Amino acid sequence: MDARKLRPFVPSGEDYALAQRFFEELGFEKRYADESISIFRVGEQEFYLQNFHDQAFQNQFMLELAVEDLDGWWSRIQAVSQRGAYRIKAKEPTRYPWGKREVHLIDPSGVCWHFSEWHGTE
């Protein structure tokens, strides 16, 4: 199974509308939305934003998104962060000893995202 085609459910936290706006501003395309679930997509990757709040669960939840332009995503994250509308934490692009380059982001609901560099050969 190709991991880039997984479609995980992501908890929105206390404010579902705020989470939707955050992902739209970050550059995800909203494909569907109702009062309980939204479908977001970037390239071939999709996830389901669920109107769900459980802080203990959210703080242990982690997702990896493989992107071709990691520096472009870092620029988007910085731009959204500088507007100050969301409580997020982000760590600039880092190359790890095992060779992977990643940006780490804690989204407004407390979910940890790893944006990893993908070159189409993995």
N, C-alpha and C. Protein backbone atom coordinates (compact mmCIF):
# COMPACT_ATOMS: atom_id res chain seq x y z
N MET A 1 0.85 -1.18 0.00
CA MET A 1 0.00 0.00 0.00
C MET A 1 0.89 1.24 0.00
N ASP A 2 0.54 2.22 -0.79
CA ASP A 2 1.27 3.47 -0.86
C ASP A 2 0.82 4.38 0.27
N ALA A 3 1.71 4.67 1.20
CA ALA A 3 1.36 5.46 2.39
C ALA A 3 0.87 6.85 2.03
N ARG A 4 1.28 7.36 0.88
CA ARG A 4 0.84 8.70 0.49
C ARG A 4 -0.63 8.74 0.10
N LYS A 5 -1.27 7.59 0.02
CA LYS A 5 -2.69 7.56 -0.34
C LYS A 5 -3.58 7.30 0.87
N LEU A 6 -3.02 7.24 2.07
CA LEU A 6 -3.84 7.06 3.26
C LEU A 6 -4.68 8.31 3.49
N ARG A 7 -5.86 8.13 4.01
CA ARG A 7 -6.74 9.25 4.27
C ARG A 7 -7.14 9.25 5.75
N PRO A 8 -6.28 9.81 6.59
CA PRO A 8 -6.55 9.75 8.03
C PRO A 8 -7.64 10.73 8.48
N PHE A 9 -8.24 10.41 9.61
CA PHE A 9 -9.16 11.31 10.29
C PHE A 9 -8.35 12.16 11.26
N VAL A 10 -8.51 13.47 11.17
CA VAL A 10 -7.76 14.41 12.00
C VAL A 10 -8.75 15.13 12.91
N PRO A 11 -8.53 15.14 14.22
CA PRO A 11 -9.44 15.86 15.12
C PRO A 11 -9.29 17.37 14.96
N SER A 12 -10.39 18.09 14.97
CA SER A 12 -10.36 19.54 14.76
C SER A 12 -10.07 20.32 16.02
N GLY A 13 -10.26 19.72 17.18
CA GLY A 13 -10.13 20.47 18.42
C GLY A 13 -11.44 21.14 18.77
N GLU A 14 -11.38 22.12 19.66
CA GLU A 14 -12.59 22.78 20.16
C GLU A 14 -13.32 23.58 19.09
N ASP A 15 -12.60 24.14 18.14
CA ASP A 15 -13.20 25.05 17.16
C ASP A 15 -13.05 24.49 15.75
N TYR A 16 -14.06 23.80 15.29
CA TYR A 16 -14.06 23.16 13.97
C TYR A 16 -13.90 24.18 12.84
N ALA A 17 -14.63 25.31 12.93
CA ALA A 17 -14.55 26.34 11.89
C ALA A 17 -13.14 26.94 11.82
N LEU A 18 -12.53 27.17 12.98
CA LEU A 18 -11.17 27.71 13.02
C LEU A 18 -10.19 26.73 12.37
N ALA A 19 -10.33 25.44 12.67
CA ALA A 19 -9.46 24.43 12.07
C ALA A 19 -9.63 24.40 10.55
N GLN A 20 -10.86 24.51 10.07
CA GLN A 20 -11.09 24.56 8.62
C GLN A 20 -10.37 25.74 7.99
N ARG A 21 -10.53 26.92 8.59
CA ARG A 21 -9.87 28.13 8.04
C ARG A 21 -8.35 27.97 8.04
N PHE A 22 -7.80 27.39 9.12
CA PHE A 22 -6.36 27.20 9.21
C PHE A 22 -5.85 26.36 8.03
N PHE A 23 -6.48 25.23 7.78
CA PHE A 23 -6.01 24.36 6.70
C PHE A 23 -6.20 24.99 5.33
N GLU A 24 -7.28 25.76 5.16
CA GLU A 24 -7.47 26.47 3.89
C GLU A 24 -6.37 27.51 3.70
N GLU A 25 -6.07 28.28 4.74
CA GLU A 25 -5.01 29.30 4.64
C GLU A 25 -3.65 28.67 4.41
N LEU A 26 -3.45 27.49 4.95
CA LEU A 26 -2.17 26.79 4.77
C LEU A 26 -2.00 26.30 3.33
N GLY A 27 -3.11 26.18 2.60
CA GLY A 27 -3.01 25.80 1.19
C GLY A 27 -3.68 24.50 0.82
N PHE A 28 -4.37 23.87 1.77
CA PHE A 28 -5.12 22.67 1.44
C PHE A 28 -6.42 23.07 0.73
N GLU A 29 -6.85 22.25 -0.19
CA GLU A 29 -8.11 22.48 -0.91
C GLU A 29 -9.24 21.77 -0.16
N LYS A 30 -10.29 22.54 0.21
CA LYS A 30 -11.44 21.92 0.86
C LYS A 30 -12.33 21.32 -0.22
N ARG A 31 -12.51 20.00 -0.18
CA ARG A 31 -13.28 19.29 -1.20
C ARG A 31 -14.72 19.06 -0.78
N TYR A 32 -14.96 19.04 0.53
CA TYR A 32 -16.29 18.78 1.06
C TYR A 32 -16.33 19.27 2.50
N ALA A 33 -17.49 19.73 2.95
CA ALA A 33 -17.63 20.09 4.35
C ALA A 33 -19.10 20.04 4.76
N ASP A 34 -19.34 19.51 5.95
CA ASP A 34 -20.63 19.64 6.61
C ASP A 34 -20.35 19.92 8.08
N GLU A 35 -21.34 19.75 8.95
CA GLU A 35 -21.14 20.12 10.36
C GLU A 35 -20.26 19.15 11.14
N SER A 36 -19.95 17.99 10.56
CA SER A 36 -19.16 17.03 11.33
C SER A 36 -17.85 16.61 10.67
N ILE A 37 -17.70 16.84 9.36
CA ILE A 37 -16.48 16.38 8.68
C ILE A 37 -16.19 17.25 7.46
N SER A 38 -14.92 17.46 7.21
CA SER A 38 -14.46 18.16 6.00
C SER A 38 -13.38 17.31 5.35
N ILE A 39 -13.34 17.35 4.04
CA ILE A 39 -12.29 16.63 3.32
C ILE A 39 -11.35 17.66 2.71
N PHE A 40 -10.06 17.54 3.06
CA PHE A 40 -9.04 18.44 2.54
C PHE A 40 -8.07 17.65 1.68
N ARG A 41 -7.54 18.31 0.67
CA ARG A 41 -6.64 17.63 -0.25
C ARG A 41 -5.49 18.57 -0.63
N VAL A 42 -4.34 17.94 -0.84
CA VAL A 42 -3.19 18.61 -1.45
C VAL A 42 -2.56 17.56 -2.35
N GLY A 43 -2.48 17.85 -3.64
CA GLY A 43 -1.97 16.86 -4.60
C GLY A 43 -2.83 15.61 -4.55
N GLU A 44 -2.19 14.46 -4.39
CA GLU A 44 -2.90 13.19 -4.30
C GLU A 44 -3.26 12.82 -2.86
N GLN A 45 -2.85 13.64 -1.91
CA GLN A 45 -3.04 13.32 -0.49
C GLN A 45 -4.29 14.00 0.04
N GLU A 46 -5.00 13.27 0.87
CA GLU A 46 -6.26 13.75 1.41
C GLU A 46 -6.35 13.38 2.88
N PHE A 47 -7.05 14.22 3.64
CA PHE A 47 -7.36 13.84 5.01
C PHE A 47 -8.75 14.36 5.35
N TYR A 48 -9.35 13.73 6.37
CA TYR A 48 -10.68 14.08 6.82
C TYR A 48 -10.57 14.82 8.15
N LEU A 49 -10.98 16.08 8.16
CA LEU A 49 -10.99 16.86 9.39
C LEU A 49 -12.31 16.58 10.08
N GLN A 50 -12.24 16.02 11.27
CA GLN A 50 -13.42 15.59 11.99
C GLN A 50 -13.73 16.58 13.12
N ASN A 51 -14.99 16.96 13.25
CA ASN A 51 -15.42 17.85 14.33
C ASN A 51 -15.39 17.04 15.62
N PHE A 52 -14.21 17.00 16.23
CA PHE A 52 -13.96 16.12 17.37
C PHE A 52 -12.94 16.78 18.28
N HIS A 53 -13.19 16.74 19.57
CA HIS A 53 -12.26 17.34 20.53
C HIS A 53 -11.99 16.37 21.67
N ASP A 54 -10.76 15.97 21.81
CA ASP A 54 -10.27 15.18 22.94
C ASP A 54 -8.80 15.52 23.06
N GLN A 55 -8.48 16.48 23.92
CA GLN A 55 -7.13 17.02 23.99
C GLN A 55 -6.07 15.96 24.20
N ALA A 56 -6.34 14.97 25.04
CA ALA A 56 -5.35 13.91 25.28
C ALA A 56 -5.05 13.16 23.98
N PHE A 57 -6.09 12.88 23.22
CA PHE A 57 -5.91 12.19 21.94
C PHE A 57 -5.16 13.08 20.95
N GLN A 58 -5.57 14.33 20.84
CA GLN A 58 -4.96 15.26 19.88
C GLN A 58 -3.46 15.44 20.17
N ASN A 59 -3.11 15.52 21.43
CA ASN A 59 -1.71 15.74 21.78
C ASN A 59 -0.83 14.53 21.49
N GLN A 60 -1.43 13.38 21.22
CA GLN A 60 -0.66 12.18 20.89
C GLN A 60 -0.77 11.81 19.41
N PHE A 61 -1.50 12.60 18.65
CA PHE A 61 -1.78 12.31 17.25
C PHE A 61 -0.67 12.91 16.38
N MET A 62 -0.15 12.16 15.43
CA MET A 62 0.91 12.66 14.55
C MET A 62 0.64 12.21 13.12
N LEU A 63 0.86 13.11 12.18
CA LEU A 63 0.68 12.82 10.76
C LEU A 63 1.91 13.22 9.98
N GLU A 64 2.18 12.50 8.91
CA GLU A 64 3.28 12.86 8.02
C GLU A 64 2.70 13.16 6.65
N LEU A 65 3.09 14.30 6.11
CA LEU A 65 2.66 14.71 4.79
C LEU A 65 3.90 14.86 3.92
N ALA A 66 4.02 14.05 2.88
CA ALA A 66 5.16 14.12 1.97
C ALA A 66 4.90 15.21 0.94
N VAL A 67 5.82 16.17 0.83
CA VAL A 67 5.67 17.29 -0.10
C VAL A 67 6.92 17.43 -0.95
N GLU A 68 6.74 17.89 -2.17
CA GLU A 68 7.89 18.07 -3.07
C GLU A 68 8.65 19.36 -2.77
N ASP A 69 7.95 20.41 -2.32
CA ASP A 69 8.57 21.70 -2.08
C ASP A 69 8.49 22.03 -0.59
N LEU A 70 9.39 21.48 0.18
CA LEU A 70 9.38 21.69 1.63
C LEU A 70 9.59 23.16 1.99
N ASP A 71 10.47 23.84 1.27
CA ASP A 71 10.71 25.25 1.57
C ASP A 71 9.48 26.10 1.27
N GLY A 72 8.73 25.73 0.24
CA GLY A 72 7.48 26.42 -0.07
C GLY A 72 6.45 26.25 1.05
N TRP A 73 6.36 25.02 1.58
CA TRP A 73 5.45 24.79 2.70
C TRP A 73 5.91 25.56 3.93
N TRP A 74 7.20 25.62 4.17
CA TRP A 74 7.71 26.38 5.31
C TRP A 74 7.33 27.85 5.17
N SER A 75 7.41 28.39 3.96
CA SER A 75 7.01 29.79 3.73
C SER A 75 5.53 29.99 4.04
N ARG A 76 4.69 29.05 3.62
CA ARG A 76 3.25 29.14 3.91
C ARG A 76 3.00 29.10 5.41
N ILE A 77 3.67 28.19 6.10
CA ILE A 77 3.50 28.06 7.54
C ILE A 77 3.90 29.36 8.24
N GLN A 78 5.03 29.94 7.82
CA GLN A 78 5.49 31.19 8.42
C GLN A 78 4.49 32.31 8.18
N ALA A 79 3.96 32.40 6.95
CA ALA A 79 3.00 33.46 6.62
C ALA A 79 1.73 33.33 7.47
N VAL A 80 1.22 32.12 7.61
CA VAL A 80 0.02 31.90 8.43
C VAL A 80 0.33 32.21 9.89
N SER A 81 1.48 31.80 10.37
CA SER A 81 1.88 32.05 11.75
C SER A 81 2.00 33.54 12.04
N GLN A 82 2.55 34.29 11.12
CA GLN A 82 2.77 35.72 11.33
C GLN A 82 1.47 36.51 11.39
N ARG A 83 0.41 35.99 10.77
CA ARG A 83 -0.89 36.68 10.85
C ARG A 83 -1.45 36.61 12.26
N GLY A 84 -1.01 35.65 13.05
CA GLY A 84 -1.38 35.58 14.46
C GLY A 84 -2.80 35.14 14.76
N ALA A 85 -3.51 34.61 13.79
CA ALA A 85 -4.90 34.20 14.02
C ALA A 85 -5.00 32.83 14.68
N TYR A 86 -3.89 32.09 14.71
CA TYR A 86 -3.91 30.72 15.21
C TYR A 86 -2.78 30.50 16.20
N ARG A 87 -3.05 29.65 17.20
CA ARG A 87 -1.98 29.23 18.11
C ARG A 87 -1.34 27.99 17.49
N ILE A 88 -0.17 28.18 16.94
CA ILE A 88 0.57 27.06 16.35
C ILE A 88 2.03 27.14 16.79
N LYS A 89 2.70 26.02 16.68
CA LYS A 89 4.15 25.97 16.90
C LYS A 89 4.75 25.33 15.67
N ALA A 90 5.85 25.88 15.21
CA ALA A 90 6.49 25.32 14.02
C ALA A 90 8.00 25.36 14.18
N LYS A 91 8.64 24.33 13.65
CA LYS A 91 10.10 24.23 13.67
C LYS A 91 10.58 24.24 12.22
N GLU A 92 11.53 25.11 11.94
CA GLU A 92 12.03 25.29 10.58
C GLU A 92 12.57 23.98 9.99
N PRO A 93 12.74 23.95 8.67
CA PRO A 93 13.23 22.72 8.03
C PRO A 93 14.52 22.22 8.68
N THR A 94 14.51 20.95 9.00
CA THR A 94 15.64 20.31 9.67
C THR A 94 16.01 19.04 8.92
N ARG A 95 17.31 18.83 8.71
CA ARG A 95 17.77 17.57 8.11
C ARG A 95 18.22 16.67 9.25
N TYR A 96 17.65 15.48 9.27
CA TYR A 96 17.94 14.53 10.34
C TYR A 96 19.04 13.57 9.91
N PRO A 97 19.74 12.95 10.88
CA PRO A 97 20.87 12.06 10.57
C PRO A 97 20.51 10.93 9.61
N TRP A 98 19.26 10.51 9.61
CA TRP A 98 18.85 9.42 8.72
C TRP A 98 18.54 9.92 7.32
N GLY A 99 18.80 11.23 7.06
CA GLY A 99 18.71 11.78 5.72
C GLY A 99 17.43 12.50 5.38
N LYS A 100 16.41 12.36 6.19
CA LYS A 100 15.13 12.99 5.91
C LYS A 100 15.14 14.46 6.33
N ARG A 101 14.54 15.28 5.52
CA ARG A 101 14.39 16.70 5.84
C ARG A 101 12.92 16.95 6.14
N GLU A 102 12.62 17.61 7.29
CA GLU A 102 11.24 17.78 7.73
C GLU A 102 11.01 19.16 8.35
N VAL A 103 9.75 19.58 8.29
CA VAL A 103 9.24 20.72 9.04
C VAL A 103 8.21 20.15 10.01
N HIS A 104 8.31 20.51 11.28
CA HIS A 104 7.34 20.05 12.27
C HIS A 104 6.40 21.20 12.61
N LEU A 105 5.13 20.88 12.70
CA LEU A 105 4.09 21.88 12.98
C LEU A 105 3.11 21.28 13.99
N ILE A 106 2.79 22.04 15.01
CA ILE A 106 1.69 21.69 15.91
C ILE A 106 0.54 22.61 15.51
N ASP A 107 -0.55 22.01 14.99
CA ASP A 107 -1.66 22.82 14.49
C ASP A 107 -2.50 23.37 15.65
N PRO A 108 -3.51 24.21 15.36
CA PRO A 108 -4.28 24.85 16.44
C PRO A 108 -4.96 23.87 17.41
N SER A 109 -5.22 22.64 16.99
CA SER A 109 -5.88 21.69 17.89
C SER A 109 -4.87 20.85 18.69
N GLY A 110 -3.58 21.00 18.40
CA GLY A 110 -2.55 20.25 19.13
C GLY A 110 -2.03 19.03 18.39
N VAL A 111 -2.49 18.83 17.14
CA VAL A 111 -2.02 17.70 16.34
C VAL A 111 -0.65 18.03 15.75
N CYS A 112 0.26 17.06 15.81
CA CYS A 112 1.62 17.23 15.30
C CYS A 112 1.68 16.76 13.84
N TRP A 113 2.17 17.62 12.97
CA TRP A 113 2.36 17.31 11.55
C TRP A 113 3.85 17.29 11.25
N HIS A 114 4.28 16.33 10.45
CA HIS A 114 5.64 16.28 9.93
C HIS A 114 5.51 16.44 8.41
N PHE A 115 5.93 17.60 7.92
CA PHE A 115 5.98 17.82 6.48
C PHE A 115 7.35 17.34 6.05
N SER A 116 7.40 16.25 5.31
CA SER A 116 8.69 15.69 4.91
C SER A 116 8.90 15.88 3.42
N GLU A 117 10.16 16.03 3.07
CA GLU A 117 10.54 16.23 1.68
C GLU A 117 10.44 14.92 0.91
N TRP A 118 9.76 14.97 -0.20
CA TRP A 118 9.56 13.79 -1.03
C TRP A 118 9.99 14.12 -2.46
N HIS A 119 10.77 13.25 -3.04
CA HIS A 119 11.30 13.51 -4.38
C HIS A 119 10.73 12.57 -5.42
N GLY A 120 9.70 11.80 -5.09
CA GLY A 120 9.06 10.94 -6.04
C GLY A 120 9.72 9.58 -6.24
N THR A 121 10.72 9.28 -5.46
CA THR A 121 11.42 7.99 -5.62
C THR A 121 11.22 7.08 -4.42
N GLU A 122 10.53 7.55 -3.38
CA GLU A 122 10.35 6.75 -2.16
C GLU A 122 9.17 5.83 -2.30
